[in-house]
């Protein structure tokens, strides 16, 4: 029930995912509002939940009042083994807090992290953390790298993910105290650590997994999203202001622009996994449309099929 376009877009995306046979879909929320949106589609289960976590609710408020809400009840389905994964486009801070309390973290993980997938020049790049933890200890950054690498292997098929640490320079002497200490810890971590990565190189696949605290990571994520939209709008405006010839050129280039849009649009991946909790959770964008929801469900199914929670736990145990 959460998200800018809920429940309409969520239900529409769930219907597409159901028809694409991505898994057995369970919609958690107000049955009276959800049922008409199914338009007679059969095979999708509704678990009625009257309460709603508001988009502006604080994490602590959400945890205290989670009982009987669509978000709390959906997470409980995973906790109780009645669902393999949960997707939400609602309040991401509340989602993280409720998942942390009700699912707990994988042994060895201090804090869960959001692993966003960015469209790199030569393939996807995992950014971890993309906003869950704004203040981090150096050892947490190493855990983010371990989880991000496990996700890249399991969900993206990257055999030996290269892990880089976001800093203000490539040289090992560059960075603040947090980065310098984390780099030293990474040298002993069970990942393929390649050193520092500058912001300008994140989308050029210098690393398959880029690690940052949630504050820096979220700035990178939102800047990338905003830049993609800005460039698209500038190109459209340039064609529109170039007269008849420009409009003709834009018309002839529509196919190219469509392929670029698919590549850089956040909806292509649908959402970001919440790594580190004992359950598969996918955080979808608040403004998700039906395409984004469908792809978030596809990603959730992939995490469950790959048994990512067990994979991360095995790496940490070793």
Protein backbone atom coordinates (compact mmCIF):
# COMPACT_ATOMS: atom_id res chain seq x y z
CA UNK A 1 0.00 0.00 0.00
CA UNK A 2 3.04 2.30 0.22
CA UNK A 3 4.56 4.37 -2.56
CA UNK A 4 3.65 7.41 -4.62
CA UNK A 5 1.49 5.40 -7.04
CA UNK A 6 0.10 2.77 -4.66
CA UNK A 7 -1.88 0.66 -4.77
CA UNK A 8 -2.67 1.03 -8.50
CA UNK A 9 0.87 0.70 -9.87
CA UNK A 10 1.79 -2.01 -7.36
CA UNK A 11 -1.18 -4.17 -8.30
CA UNK A 12 -0.63 -3.55 -12.03
CA UNK A 13 3.02 -4.59 -11.72
CA UNK A 14 2.06 -7.65 -9.70
CA UNK A 15 -0.36 -8.71 -12.45
CA UNK A 16 2.40 -8.45 -15.07
CA UNK A 17 4.79 -10.44 -12.83
CA UNK A 18 2.09 -13.08 -12.32
CA UNK A 19 1.48 -13.41 -16.05
CA UNK A 20 5.25 -13.64 -16.61
CA UNK A 21 5.32 -16.54 -14.12
CA UNK A 22 7.89 -14.89 -11.85
CA UNK A 23 6.40 -16.58 -8.80
CA UNK A 24 3.29 -16.88 -6.67
CA UNK A 25 2.25 -13.32 -5.90
CA UNK A 26 0.74 -12.30 -2.55
CA UNK A 27 -0.56 -8.74 -2.20
CA UNK A 28 -0.69 -7.43 1.37
CA UNK A 29 -2.98 -4.50 2.11
CA UNK A 30 -6.54 -3.23 2.06
CA UNK A 31 -8.49 -5.96 0.30
CA UNK A 32 -11.38 -3.64 -0.54
CA UNK A 33 -9.04 -1.37 -2.52
CA UNK A 34 -6.91 -4.13 -4.03
CA UNK A 35 -9.64 -6.49 -5.27
CA UNK A 36 -11.15 -4.12 -7.92
CA UNK A 37 -7.67 -3.37 -9.31
CA UNK A 38 -7.13 -7.04 -10.16
CA UNK A 39 -9.87 -6.82 -12.80
CA UNK A 40 -10.72 -10.47 -12.35
CA UNK A 41 -7.12 -11.74 -12.51
CA UNK A 42 -7.01 -15.12 -10.76
CA UNK A 43 -4.14 -16.80 -8.96
CA UNK A 44 -2.98 -13.75 -6.99
CA UNK A 45 -3.55 -14.02 -3.24
CA UNK A 46 -4.66 -11.08 -1.10
CA UNK A 47 -3.72 -10.90 2.58
CA UNK A 48 -5.91 -8.22 4.08
CA UNK A 49 -4.14 -5.66 6.24
CA UNK A 50 -5.99 -2.48 7.16
CA UNK A 51 -3.08 -0.43 8.55
CA UNK A 52 -0.56 1.63 6.61
CA UNK A 53 2.91 2.93 7.42
CA UNK A 54 2.91 6.57 6.29
CA UNK A 55 5.62 7.68 3.87
CA UNK A 56 6.74 10.37 6.34
CA UNK A 57 6.72 8.15 9.43
CA UNK A 58 10.02 7.86 11.29
CA UNK A 59 11.70 4.47 11.58
CA UNK A 60 11.01 4.29 15.32
CA UNK A 61 7.33 5.13 14.81
CA UNK A 62 7.05 2.51 12.09
CA UNK A 63 8.51 -0.22 14.30
CA UNK A 64 6.20 0.63 17.20
CA UNK A 65 3.10 0.69 14.99
CA UNK A 66 4.02 -2.03 12.47
CA UNK A 67 1.52 -4.56 13.80
CA UNK A 68 -1.45 -4.79 11.46
CA UNK A 69 0.11 -2.66 8.71
CA UNK A 70 0.69 -3.86 5.15
CA UNK A 71 4.45 -3.42 5.47
CA UNK A 72 4.71 -5.14 8.86
CA UNK A 73 2.49 -8.03 7.81
CA UNK A 74 4.39 -8.49 4.52
CA UNK A 75 7.72 -8.76 6.37
CA UNK A 76 6.10 -11.23 8.78
CA UNK A 77 5.23 -13.50 5.84
CA UNK A 78 8.97 -13.85 5.14
CA UNK A 79 9.83 -14.25 8.82
CA UNK A 80 7.27 -17.02 9.22
CA UNK A 81 8.31 -18.86 6.07
CA UNK A 82 5.08 -18.12 4.22
CA UNK A 83 6.87 -16.08 1.53
CA UNK A 84 10.33 -16.31 0.00
CA UNK A 85 10.78 -12.55 -0.45
CA UNK A 86 9.09 -9.20 0.16
CA UNK A 87 8.97 -6.13 -2.10
CA UNK A 88 7.90 -2.66 -0.96
CA UNK A 89 7.81 0.76 -2.64
CA UNK A 90 6.78 2.38 0.62
CA UNK A 91 8.75 4.15 3.35
CA UNK A 92 12.28 2.75 2.86
CA UNK A 93 13.49 3.77 6.33
CA UNK A 94 10.51 2.03 7.89
CA UNK A 95 11.06 -1.02 5.70
CA UNK A 96 14.68 -1.25 6.85
CA UNK A 97 13.79 -0.82 10.52
CA UNK A 98 10.94 -3.33 10.49
CA UNK A 99 13.04 -5.89 8.58
CA UNK A 100 15.93 -5.40 10.99
CA UNK A 101 13.75 -5.96 14.07
CA UNK A 102 11.59 -8.80 12.75
CA UNK A 103 14.08 -10.69 10.59
CA UNK A 104 17.32 -9.86 12.43
CA UNK A 105 20.71 -9.70 10.76
CA UNK A 106 22.78 -12.56 9.40
CA UNK A 107 25.35 -13.64 12.04
CA UNK A 108 28.48 -11.54 11.57
CA UNK A 109 26.68 -8.55 10.03
CA UNK A 110 26.50 -5.41 12.16
CA UNK A 111 24.22 -3.37 9.88
CA UNK A 112 22.17 -4.25 6.78
CA UNK A 113 22.86 -2.22 3.63
CA UNK A 114 21.03 -1.34 0.43
CA UNK A 115 22.74 -2.73 -2.66
CA UNK A 116 21.62 -0.60 -5.63
CA UNK A 117 22.44 -1.67 -9.18
CA UNK A 118 23.77 1.09 -11.45
CA UNK A 119 23.95 0.88 -15.27
CA UNK A 120 27.70 0.82 -15.90
CA UNK A 121 29.25 1.29 -19.34
CA UNK A 122 30.21 -2.39 -19.61
CA UNK A 123 27.54 -3.92 -17.38
CA UNK A 124 25.87 -3.47 -14.00
CA UNK A 125 27.69 -2.03 -10.99
CA UNK A 126 26.58 -2.73 -7.42
CA UNK A 127 26.63 0.31 -5.09
CA UNK A 128 26.59 -0.65 -1.42
CA UNK A 129 25.46 1.09 0.80
CA UNK A 130 22.97 3.21 -1.14
CA UNK A 131 21.34 4.87 1.84
CA UNK A 132 20.65 2.61 4.82
CA UNK A 133 23.48 3.81 7.09
CA UNK A 134 24.62 7.43 6.90
CA UNK A 135 27.27 7.05 9.61
CA UNK A 136 29.46 3.96 9.37
CA UNK A 137 32.37 2.30 11.09
CA UNK A 138 35.22 1.07 8.85
CA UNK A 139 34.44 -2.58 9.58
CA UNK A 140 30.87 -2.05 8.38
CA UNK A 141 32.20 -0.92 5.00
CA UNK A 142 34.08 -4.20 4.71
CA UNK A 143 30.88 -6.11 5.48
CA UNK A 144 29.11 -4.08 2.77
CA UNK A 145 31.82 -5.20 0.34
CA UNK A 146 31.40 -8.85 1.30
CA UNK A 147 27.61 -8.66 0.89
CA UNK A 148 27.82 -6.69 -2.36
CA UNK A 149 30.23 -9.24 -3.84
CA UNK A 150 27.96 -12.12 -2.83
CA UNK A 151 25.00 -10.35 -4.44
CA UNK A 152 26.97 -9.65 -7.64
CA UNK A 153 27.86 -13.33 -7.91
CA UNK A 154 24.44 -14.73 -7.05
CA UNK A 155 22.10 -12.29 -8.81
CA UNK A 156 24.22 -10.73 -11.58
CA UNK A 157 26.37 -13.72 -12.54
CA UNK A 158 29.74 -11.99 -12.01
CA UNK A 159 32.14 -14.83 -11.17
CA UNK A 160 34.84 -12.84 -9.33
CA UNK A 161 33.48 -9.38 -8.48
CA UNK A 162 36.07 -6.63 -8.10
CA UNK A 163 35.38 -4.55 -5.00
CA UNK A 164 36.40 -0.89 -4.84
CA UNK A 165 36.14 1.68 -2.06
CA UNK A 166 34.79 5.14 -2.96
CA UNK A 167 37.32 7.84 -2.12
CA UNK A 168 38.61 11.23 -3.29
CA UNK A 169 41.55 9.68 -5.16
CA UNK A 170 42.80 6.36 -6.50
CA UNK A 171 45.99 6.45 -4.44
CA UNK A 172 45.90 4.33 -1.26
CA UNK A 173 46.93 7.38 0.79
CA UNK A 174 43.81 9.35 -0.27
CA UNK A 175 40.63 9.51 1.81
CA UNK A 176 39.37 10.33 5.27
CA UNK A 177 40.16 8.29 8.39
CA UNK A 178 37.16 6.02 7.79
CA UNK A 179 38.27 5.14 4.25
CA UNK A 180 41.93 4.64 5.15
CA UNK A 181 41.07 2.24 7.97
CA UNK A 182 38.51 0.38 5.85
CA UNK A 183 41.07 -0.06 3.06
CA UNK A 184 43.47 -1.69 5.50
CA UNK A 185 40.73 -4.06 6.66
CA UNK A 186 39.73 -4.85 3.07
CA UNK A 187 43.23 -6.17 2.41
CA UNK A 188 42.40 -9.10 4.72
CA UNK A 189 38.78 -9.57 3.65
CA UNK A 190 37.51 -12.53 1.56
CA UNK A 191 36.87 -10.36 -1.51
CA UNK A 192 38.81 -9.26 -4.60
CA UNK A 193 39.65 -5.78 -3.35
CA UNK A 194 41.14 -3.45 -6.00
CA UNK A 195 41.58 -0.31 -3.88
CA UNK A 196 40.05 3.15 -4.14
CA UNK A 197 37.57 4.21 -6.82
CA UNK A 198 36.82 7.86 -7.63
CA UNK A 199 33.29 9.07 -8.22
CA UNK A 200 33.96 9.69 -11.93
CA UNK A 201 34.88 6.02 -12.41
CA UNK A 202 31.89 4.38 -10.72
CA UNK A 203 29.89 4.04 -13.96
CA UNK A 204 32.95 3.07 -16.00
CA UNK A 205 33.21 -0.38 -14.39
CA UNK A 206 36.53 0.15 -12.67
CA UNK A 207 34.94 -2.12 -10.04
CA UNK A 208 31.92 -4.44 -10.06
CA UNK A 209 31.05 -3.49 -6.48
CA UNK A 210 31.65 0.02 -5.14
CA UNK A 211 31.48 0.51 -1.38
CA UNK A 212 30.56 3.72 0.45
CA UNK A 213 28.74 4.76 3.59
CA UNK A 214 25.03 5.34 3.09
CA UNK A 215 25.37 9.12 2.97
CA UNK A 216 27.91 9.14 0.12
CA UNK A 217 26.25 6.17 -1.59
CA UNK A 218 22.84 7.81 -1.65
CA UNK A 219 24.31 11.02 -3.07
CA UNK A 220 25.97 8.97 -5.85
CA UNK A 221 22.70 7.14 -6.56
CA UNK A 222 20.52 10.26 -6.66
CA UNK A 223 23.11 12.17 -8.72
CA UNK A 224 23.22 9.34 -11.27
CA UNK A 225 19.41 9.26 -11.49
CA UNK A 226 19.18 13.04 -11.81
CA UNK A 227 21.96 13.20 -14.43
CA UNK A 228 20.22 10.61 -16.60
CA UNK A 229 16.99 12.61 -16.49
CA UNK A 230 18.83 15.89 -17.14
CA UNK A 231 20.68 14.57 -20.21
CA UNK A 232 17.48 13.08 -21.62
CA UNK A 233 15.64 16.40 -21.21
CA UNK A 234 18.50 18.44 -22.71
CA UNK A 235 18.64 16.21 -25.81
CA UNK A 236 14.86 16.38 -26.25
CA UNK A 237 14.89 20.18 -25.90
CA UNK A 238 17.75 20.49 -28.40
CA UNK A 239 15.84 18.52 -31.03
CA UNK A 240 12.61 20.42 -30.40
CA UNK A 241 14.35 23.81 -30.79
CA UNK A 242 16.23 22.84 -33.94
CA UNK A 243 13.32 23.40 -36.31
CA UNK A 244 11.93 20.95 -38.85
CA UNK A 245 15.27 19.26 -39.51
CA UNK A 246 15.85 18.79 -35.79
CA UNK A 247 12.40 17.32 -35.26
CA UNK A 248 12.99 14.93 -38.17
CA UNK A 249 16.33 13.92 -36.67
CA UNK A 250 14.66 13.31 -33.33
CA UNK A 251 11.99 11.20 -34.99
CA UNK A 252 14.60 9.10 -36.78
CA UNK A 253 16.55 8.67 -33.53
CA UNK A 254 13.61 7.56 -31.40
CA UNK A 255 14.68 3.93 -31.41
CA UNK A 256 18.17 4.84 -30.19
CA UNK A 257 16.79 7.06 -27.44
CA UNK A 258 14.38 4.32 -26.36
CA UNK A 259 17.24 1.84 -25.94
CA UNK A 260 19.25 4.40 -23.96
CA UNK A 261 16.28 5.11 -21.71
CA UNK A 262 15.83 1.42 -20.92
CA UNK A 263 19.50 1.17 -20.04
CA UNK A 264 19.62 4.11 -17.63
CA UNK A 265 16.07 4.05 -16.22
CA UNK A 266 15.80 3.01 -12.56
CA UNK A 267 12.75 0.90 -13.42
CA UNK A 268 14.91 -1.52 -15.43
CA UNK A 269 16.19 -3.07 -12.19
CA UNK A 270 13.07 -2.22 -10.20
CA UNK A 271 14.60 -2.01 -6.77
CA UNK A 272 17.58 -2.62 -4.53
CA UNK A 273 18.04 -5.58 -2.19
CA UNK A 274 18.36 -4.98 1.53
CA UNK A 275 21.48 -7.04 2.19
CA UNK A 276 22.35 -8.48 5.56
CA UNK A 277 18.96 -9.39 7.03
CA UNK A 278 17.75 -12.99 7.35
CA UNK A 279 15.19 -12.70 4.58
CA UNK A 280 15.02 -11.53 0.98
CA UNK A 281 13.87 -7.89 0.91
CA UNK A 282 13.76 -5.60 -2.13
CA UNK A 283 13.39 -1.85 -1.66
CA UNK A 284 11.55 -0.41 -4.67
CA UNK A 285 11.62 3.27 -5.61
CA UNK A 286 8.82 5.35 -4.08
CA UNK A 287 7.68 6.53 -7.51
CA UNK A 288 7.71 3.02 -9.02
CA UNK A 289 5.37 2.39 -11.94
CA UNK A 290 4.11 -1.05 -12.96
CA UNK A 291 7.29 -1.79 -14.94
CA UNK A 292 9.48 -1.04 -11.91
CA UNK A 293 7.28 -3.15 -9.64
CA UNK A 294 7.37 -6.05 -12.08
CA UNK A 295 11.16 -5.88 -12.24
CA UNK A 296 11.46 -5.56 -8.47
CA UNK A 297 9.46 -8.79 -8.16
CA UNK A 298 11.74 -10.41 -10.73
CA UNK A 299 14.74 -9.38 -8.66
CA UNK A 300 13.17 -10.69 -5.45
CA UNK A 301 12.55 -14.04 -7.11
CA UNK A 302 16.17 -14.17 -8.27
CA UNK A 303 17.43 -13.51 -4.73
CA UNK A 304 15.26 -16.32 -3.39
CA UNK A 305 16.36 -18.73 -6.13
CA UNK A 306 20.02 -17.90 -5.44
CA UNK A 307 19.52 -18.35 -1.67
CA UNK A 308 21.49 -15.15 -1.12
CA UNK A 309 21.02 -15.11 2.66
CA UNK A 310 22.70 -18.51 3.01
CA UNK A 311 25.46 -17.46 0.59
CA UNK A 312 26.34 -14.35 2.59
CA UNK A 313 26.24 -16.34 5.82
CA UNK A 314 28.59 -18.99 4.41
CA UNK A 315 31.15 -16.38 3.30
CA UNK A 316 31.15 -14.75 6.73
CA UNK A 317 31.39 -18.10 8.51
CA UNK A 318 34.41 -19.02 6.39
